């Protein structure tokens, strides 16, 4: 009988990504609701020393897959190892983050394990002993509840910045287990040969707590400096709409939307963004949305918690000055 909640930790160069703390915390909550134990799978090279930290967030067991070939995430290697562990232990729930890495791994795992999957979920509950997930559909215009029938493990991914992170309890500890797996070099068809790092020091949009985004109303790339200043003042990062990226004003890594990055910050400030459905699909789960636009009929105001019908070139500098006073 399938039993236990499993999550897959994400790390980069030996440091956990924020999504790891979110899904381990959510995994703990689900395990408590089921009356079962929480196991975290940690993959990497020379990574075992980091495993104990996961116990502080509620993991009872940490399966550590330590191998030089797992230093950098590749779909072939990671899916091979995770699927072996899942088949050997038969968990009831398998939870990953809906990050770039998590979406890639979960899709391949669903095929490898021949199970159903609910992607990019924003809420989980336990009903009659089974997992029920809530996820957006129709580009975020509606939400649906999905359950699993005769599919174990129940495979789900959680949208970043949606699940709350538990306060770490250093008195809690986890059993650290050397994972039993095998890797055949002949099965590994991809290899990371180089990593090009973003040297700007900018917070990744998917992990940002505050985002200031600009659209076509910015009129040109030279005007984004006022958004950069506001973002720096409030401890946020700058995003952009698809139209701004298509115009070459900002890099694709800044794009928020269905074909860009899906974000859920505590504060999202949309400047000169009309609110096309493609953009709304990428930021509609933000906790507080502030829209600044000269067009009072812009669709963005239908989603905004606060709306300012005015010229952004007057409003944004004024906001920045007020934020500096509060600092």
Protein backbone atom coordinates (compact mmCIF):
# COMPACT_ATOMS: atom_id res chain seq x y z
CA UNK A 1 0.00 0.00 0.00
CA UNK A 2 1.37 3.43 -0.97
CA UNK A 3 2.25 5.51 2.08
CA UNK A 4 4.23 8.63 2.89
CA UNK A 5 4.74 12.09 1.40
CA UNK A 6 7.89 12.65 -0.68
CA UNK A 7 9.30 15.93 -1.93
CA UNK A 8 12.25 16.63 -4.22
CA UNK A 9 14.69 19.29 -2.98
CA UNK A 10 16.20 21.80 -5.40
CA UNK A 11 19.73 23.03 -4.88
CA UNK A 12 22.18 25.02 -6.92
CA UNK A 13 25.89 24.86 -6.14
CA UNK A 14 25.12 23.37 -2.76
CA UNK A 15 22.55 25.99 -1.70
CA UNK A 16 18.84 25.25 -1.45
CA UNK A 17 16.47 27.23 -3.65
CA UNK A 18 13.59 29.00 -1.94
CA UNK A 19 11.10 26.59 -3.52
CA UNK A 20 12.71 23.76 -1.53
CA UNK A 21 11.68 25.31 1.79
CA UNK A 22 8.19 25.92 0.42
CA UNK A 23 7.52 22.35 -0.72
CA UNK A 24 9.16 20.75 2.33
CA UNK A 25 6.95 22.93 4.57
CA UNK A 26 3.87 22.03 2.52
CA UNK A 27 4.92 18.39 2.49
CA UNK A 28 5.06 18.46 6.29
CA UNK A 29 1.53 19.85 6.44
CA UNK A 30 0.21 17.18 4.06
CA UNK A 31 2.03 14.41 5.93
CA UNK A 32 0.46 15.56 9.19
CA UNK A 33 -3.00 15.59 7.58
CA UNK A 34 -2.45 12.03 6.36
CA UNK A 35 -0.84 10.84 9.58
CA UNK A 36 2.22 9.75 7.61
CA UNK A 37 5.93 10.58 7.37
CA UNK A 38 7.74 13.08 5.18
CA UNK A 39 10.75 12.09 3.10
CA UNK A 40 12.86 14.54 1.07
CA UNK A 41 15.06 13.40 -1.82
CA UNK A 42 18.27 15.41 -2.18
CA UNK A 43 20.38 14.95 -5.31
CA UNK A 44 23.82 16.41 -5.96
CA UNK A 45 27.54 15.92 -5.47
CA UNK A 46 29.17 16.29 -2.03
CA UNK A 47 25.77 17.41 -0.81
CA UNK A 48 25.23 15.20 2.24
CA UNK A 49 26.24 17.90 4.74
CA UNK A 50 23.21 19.98 3.69
CA UNK A 51 20.70 17.22 4.36
CA UNK A 52 20.34 17.87 8.09
CA UNK A 53 18.86 21.33 7.44
CA UNK A 54 15.80 19.75 5.84
CA UNK A 55 14.97 18.11 9.15
CA UNK A 56 14.48 21.57 10.67
CA UNK A 57 11.56 22.09 8.27
CA UNK A 58 9.85 18.82 9.15
CA UNK A 59 11.48 16.01 7.16
CA UNK A 60 11.70 12.70 9.04
CA UNK A 61 13.92 11.14 6.38
CA UNK A 62 16.28 12.54 3.76
CA UNK A 63 17.30 10.23 0.92
CA UNK A 64 20.66 11.57 -0.30
CA UNK A 65 21.68 10.63 -3.84
CA UNK A 66 25.32 11.76 -3.95
CA UNK A 67 27.21 11.26 -7.21
CA UNK A 68 29.48 13.49 -9.33
CA UNK A 69 27.11 12.93 -12.27
CA UNK A 70 24.33 14.57 -10.22
CA UNK A 71 26.26 17.77 -9.48
CA UNK A 72 24.29 19.64 -12.15
CA UNK A 73 20.66 18.82 -12.81
CA UNK A 74 20.08 16.89 -16.02
CA UNK A 75 16.71 15.36 -16.76
CA UNK A 76 18.10 11.95 -17.74
CA UNK A 77 20.10 11.43 -14.56
CA UNK A 78 17.69 12.97 -12.04
CA UNK A 79 14.59 11.21 -13.39
CA UNK A 80 16.44 7.88 -13.43
CA UNK A 81 17.43 8.20 -9.77
CA UNK A 82 14.12 9.60 -8.51
CA UNK A 83 12.04 6.99 -10.33
CA UNK A 84 14.18 4.17 -8.88
CA UNK A 85 13.66 5.48 -5.34
CA UNK A 86 9.94 6.02 -5.84
CA UNK A 87 9.40 2.52 -7.22
CA UNK A 88 11.35 0.99 -4.34
CA UNK A 89 9.52 2.91 -1.60
CA UNK A 90 6.00 3.44 -3.02
CA UNK A 91 5.06 6.86 -1.57
CA UNK A 92 1.45 8.08 -1.70
CA UNK A 93 2.34 11.68 -2.67
CA UNK A 94 5.24 13.04 -4.72
CA UNK A 95 5.56 16.84 -4.54
CA UNK A 96 7.90 19.02 -6.60
CA UNK A 97 8.12 22.75 -7.18
CA UNK A 98 6.65 24.17 -10.39
CA UNK A 99 9.98 25.83 -11.15
CA UNK A 100 11.79 25.43 -14.47
CA UNK A 101 13.61 22.42 -13.04
CA UNK A 102 10.55 20.99 -11.31
CA UNK A 103 8.29 21.25 -14.36
CA UNK A 104 10.89 19.47 -16.47
CA UNK A 105 11.44 16.65 -13.98
CA UNK A 106 7.77 16.16 -13.08
CA UNK A 107 6.64 15.81 -16.69
CA UNK A 108 9.28 13.15 -17.39
CA UNK A 109 8.55 11.41 -14.07
CA UNK A 110 4.85 11.19 -14.89
CA UNK A 111 5.74 9.36 -18.08
CA UNK A 112 8.41 7.18 -16.48
CA UNK A 113 6.16 6.14 -13.58
CA UNK A 114 3.01 6.00 -15.73
CA UNK A 115 1.01 8.18 -13.32
CA UNK A 116 -1.24 11.23 -13.54
CA UNK A 117 0.08 14.67 -12.67
CA UNK A 118 -1.38 18.01 -11.56
CA UNK A 119 0.93 20.87 -12.59
CA UNK A 120 1.38 24.38 -11.15
CA UNK A 121 -0.97 23.95 -8.16
CA UNK A 122 -1.83 26.76 -5.76
CA UNK A 123 -3.51 24.78 -2.97
CA UNK A 124 -3.62 21.25 -1.57
CA UNK A 125 -6.07 19.56 0.78
CA UNK A 126 -6.62 16.02 2.02
CA UNK A 127 -10.15 14.69 1.49
CA UNK A 128 -11.12 11.16 2.52
CA UNK A 129 -7.45 10.27 2.76
CA UNK A 130 -6.63 11.41 -0.77
CA UNK A 131 -4.86 14.46 -2.15
CA UNK A 132 -6.97 17.15 -3.81
CA UNK A 133 -5.18 19.91 -5.71
CA UNK A 134 -6.34 23.33 -6.93
CA UNK A 135 -4.78 24.63 -10.13
CA UNK A 136 -5.47 27.49 -12.57
CA UNK A 137 -7.00 26.80 -15.98
CA UNK A 138 -7.90 28.94 -19.01
CA UNK A 139 -4.80 31.11 -18.49
CA UNK A 140 -5.72 31.80 -14.88
CA UNK A 141 -9.32 32.88 -15.55
CA UNK A 142 -10.66 29.97 -13.48
CA UNK A 143 -9.50 27.36 -10.98
CA UNK A 144 -10.27 23.67 -10.89
CA UNK A 145 -10.05 21.04 -8.15
CA UNK A 146 -8.50 17.78 -9.28
CA UNK A 147 -8.19 14.43 -7.52
CA UNK A 148 -6.38 11.23 -8.42
CA UNK A 149 -8.04 7.93 -9.24
CA UNK A 150 -6.00 4.72 -9.22
CA UNK A 151 -2.74 6.63 -9.72
CA UNK A 152 0.08 6.29 -7.20
CA UNK A 153 2.05 8.24 -6.34
CA UNK A 154 -0.17 11.29 -6.57
CA UNK A 155 2.26 13.53 -8.47
CA UNK A 156 1.87 17.31 -8.09
CA UNK A 157 3.91 20.48 -8.44
CA UNK A 158 3.43 23.64 -6.38
CA UNK A 159 3.61 27.14 -7.86
CA UNK A 160 6.58 29.05 -6.38
CA UNK A 161 5.90 31.75 -3.77
CA UNK A 162 2.44 30.37 -2.96
CA UNK A 163 3.10 27.83 -0.19
CA UNK A 164 4.13 29.36 3.14
CA UNK A 165 7.52 28.45 4.63
CA UNK A 166 7.47 27.02 8.16
CA UNK A 167 9.66 28.49 10.86
CA UNK A 168 12.71 26.20 11.11
CA UNK A 169 12.91 24.19 14.32
CA UNK A 170 16.54 23.32 15.04
CA UNK A 171 15.47 20.81 17.68
CA UNK A 172 14.04 18.59 14.93
CA UNK A 173 16.29 16.21 13.07
CA UNK A 174 15.94 13.85 10.13
CA UNK A 175 17.30 10.39 9.45
CA UNK A 176 19.92 10.78 6.71
CA UNK A 177 19.86 7.83 4.31
CA UNK A 178 22.35 7.01 1.56
CA UNK A 179 20.00 6.41 -1.36
CA UNK A 180 20.26 3.07 -3.12
CA UNK A 181 20.37 3.74 -6.85
CA UNK A 182 22.35 2.94 -9.98
CA UNK A 183 23.32 5.13 -12.92
CA UNK A 184 24.31 3.71 -16.28
CA UNK A 185 26.42 6.17 -18.28
CA UNK A 186 24.89 4.73 -21.42
CA UNK A 187 21.46 6.01 -20.36
CA UNK A 188 22.67 9.58 -19.79
CA UNK A 189 22.15 11.36 -23.08
CA UNK A 190 22.72 14.93 -21.88
CA UNK A 191 25.59 16.64 -20.13
CA UNK A 192 25.98 20.18 -18.81
CA UNK A 193 29.13 21.57 -20.43
CA UNK A 194 28.83 25.19 -19.28
CA UNK A 195 26.72 27.40 -17.03
CA UNK A 196 26.32 31.06 -17.95
CA UNK A 197 25.54 32.94 -14.76
CA UNK A 198 23.61 36.14 -14.36
CA UNK A 199 26.20 38.44 -12.81
CA UNK A 200 23.74 41.26 -12.14
CA UNK A 201 22.89 39.99 -8.66
CA UNK A 202 19.22 40.44 -9.50
CA UNK A 203 16.71 38.32 -7.59
CA UNK A 204 15.08 35.70 -9.80
CA UNK A 205 11.53 36.75 -10.65
CA UNK A 206 10.05 33.44 -9.49
CA UNK A 207 11.57 33.93 -6.04
CA UNK A 208 11.05 37.69 -5.71
CA UNK A 209 8.88 39.02 -2.89
CA UNK A 210 8.25 42.33 -4.70
CA UNK A 211 8.18 42.93 -8.47
CA UNK A 212 7.89 46.18 -10.42
CA UNK A 213 6.96 45.43 -14.05
CA UNK A 214 6.82 47.67 -17.08
CA UNK A 215 4.94 47.31 -20.35
CA UNK A 216 4.57 49.14 -23.61
CA UNK A 217 3.60 52.26 -21.68
CA UNK A 218 7.27 52.63 -20.69
CA UNK A 219 7.81 53.99 -24.26
CA UNK A 220 11.38 52.68 -24.52
CA UNK A 221 14.19 50.79 -22.76
CA UNK A 222 15.81 53.98 -21.50
CA UNK A 223 12.87 54.65 -19.19
CA UNK A 224 13.15 51.47 -17.15
CA UNK A 225 15.62 53.22 -14.88
CA UNK A 226 12.70 54.67 -12.89
CA UNK A 227 11.39 51.14 -12.30
CA UNK A 228 14.87 49.94 -11.32
CA UNK A 229 15.09 52.75 -8.76
CA UNK A 230 11.70 51.91 -7.25
CA UNK A 231 12.53 48.21 -7.15
CA UNK A 232 15.90 48.86 -5.48
CA UNK A 233 14.24 51.10 -2.91
CA UNK A 234 11.63 48.53 -1.84
CA UNK A 235 13.91 45.51 -2.14
CA UNK A 236 12.33 44.09 -5.28
CA UNK A 237 13.21 43.23 -8.85
CA UNK A 238 12.07 44.42 -12.28
CA UNK A 239 9.90 42.45 -14.70
CA UNK A 240 8.35 43.19 -18.07
CA UNK A 241 5.38 42.36 -20.25
CA UNK A 242 5.69 40.31 -23.42
CA UNK A 243 5.23 43.39 -25.61
CA UNK A 244 8.19 45.09 -23.92
CA UNK A 245 10.36 42.00 -24.35
CA UNK A 246 9.29 41.54 -27.98
CA UNK A 247 10.25 45.16 -28.61
CA UNK A 248 13.74 44.39 -27.34
CA UNK A 249 13.46 46.68 -24.32
CA UNK A 250 14.12 43.95 -21.75
CA UNK A 251 15.65 40.43 -21.89
CA UNK A 252 13.37 37.41 -22.05
CA UNK A 253 14.45 36.45 -18.51
CA UNK A 254 12.43 39.47 -17.30
CA UNK A 255 9.21 38.42 -19.04
CA UNK A 256 6.21 37.76 -16.81
CA UNK A 257 3.36 35.84 -18.38
CA UNK A 258 2.17 32.59 -19.83
CA UNK A 259 5.15 32.36 -22.19
CA UNK A 260 7.52 33.91 -19.66
CA UNK A 261 7.73 33.35 -15.92
CA UNK A 262 4.79 32.70 -13.61
CA UNK A 263 5.24 34.75 -10.43
CA UNK A 264 3.42 35.08 -7.12
CA UNK A 265 5.09 37.89 -5.15
CA UNK A 266 3.58 39.62 -2.14
CA UNK A 267 3.56 42.86 -4.15
CA UNK A 268 3.26 43.26 -7.93
CA UNK A 269 3.37 46.79 -9.38
CA UNK A 270 2.25 46.90 -13.04
CA UNK A 271 3.37 50.08 -14.78
CA UNK A 272 2.05 50.86 -18.25
CA UNK A 273 0.78 47.29 -18.66
CA UNK A 274 -2.66 46.94 -20.21
CA UNK A 275 -3.30 43.48 -18.79
CA UNK A 276 -3.53 41.08 -21.72
CA UNK A 277 -4.67 37.60 -20.69
CA UNK A 278 -1.19 36.23 -21.41
CA UNK A 279 0.30 38.58 -18.82
CA UNK A 280 -2.46 38.07 -16.26
CA UNK A 281 -1.88 34.32 -16.41
CA UNK A 282 1.64 34.91 -15.12
CA UNK A 283 0.94 37.19 -12.15
CA UNK A 284 -2.72 36.87 -11.12
CA UNK A 285 -1.86 34.93 -7.93
CA UNK A 286 0.22 37.83 -6.56
CA UNK A 287 -0.90 38.75 -3.04
CA UNK A 288 -1.31 42.50 -3.74
CA UNK A 289 -1.48 43.97 -7.26
CA UNK A 290 -1.01 47.68 -7.92
CA UNK A 291 -1.76 48.97 -11.44
CA UNK A 292 -0.62 52.32 -12.84
CA UNK A 293 -2.04 53.18 -16.26
CA UNK A 294 -3.43 56.22 -18.06
CA UNK A 295 -6.22 54.13 -19.62
CA UNK A 296 -8.97 53.71 -17.04
CA UNK A 297 -10.45 50.88 -19.12
CA UNK A 298 -7.25 48.80 -19.14
CA UNK A 299 -8.03 45.15 -18.21
CA UNK A 300 -5.28 45.19 -15.57
CA UNK A 301 -7.57 47.20 -13.29
CA UNK A 302 -9.98 44.26 -13.11
CA UNK A 303 -7.29 42.24 -11.33
CA UNK A 304 -5.69 45.07 -9.35
CA UNK A 305 -6.20 45.56 -5.62
CA UNK A 306 -5.15 49.20 -6.04
CA UNK A 307 -5.37 51.19 -9.25
CA UNK A 308 -3.91 54.57 -10.19
CA UNK A 309 -5.27 56.17 -13.37
CA UNK A 310 -2.42 58.55 -14.15
CA UNK A 311 0.84 58.96 -16.05
CA UNK A 312 3.35 56.43 -14.70
CA UNK A 313 6.17 58.93 -15.27
CA UNK A 314 4.57 61.14 -12.63
CA UNK A 315 3.48 58.37 -10.25
CA UNK A 316 6.49 56.05 -10.13
CA UNK A 317 9.09 58.71 -9.12
CA UNK A 318 6.65 59.97 -6.47
CA UNK A 319 6.24 56.44 -5.13
CA UNK A 320 10.00 56.02 -5.01
CA UNK A 321 10.45 59.24 -3.01
CA UNK A 322 7.77 58.18 -0.52
CA UNK A 323 9.35 54.73 -0.19
CA UNK A 324 12.74 56.35 0.52
CA UNK A 325 11.15 58.38 3.33
CA UNK A 326 9.80 55.18 4.88
CA UNK A 327 13.25 53.63 4.73
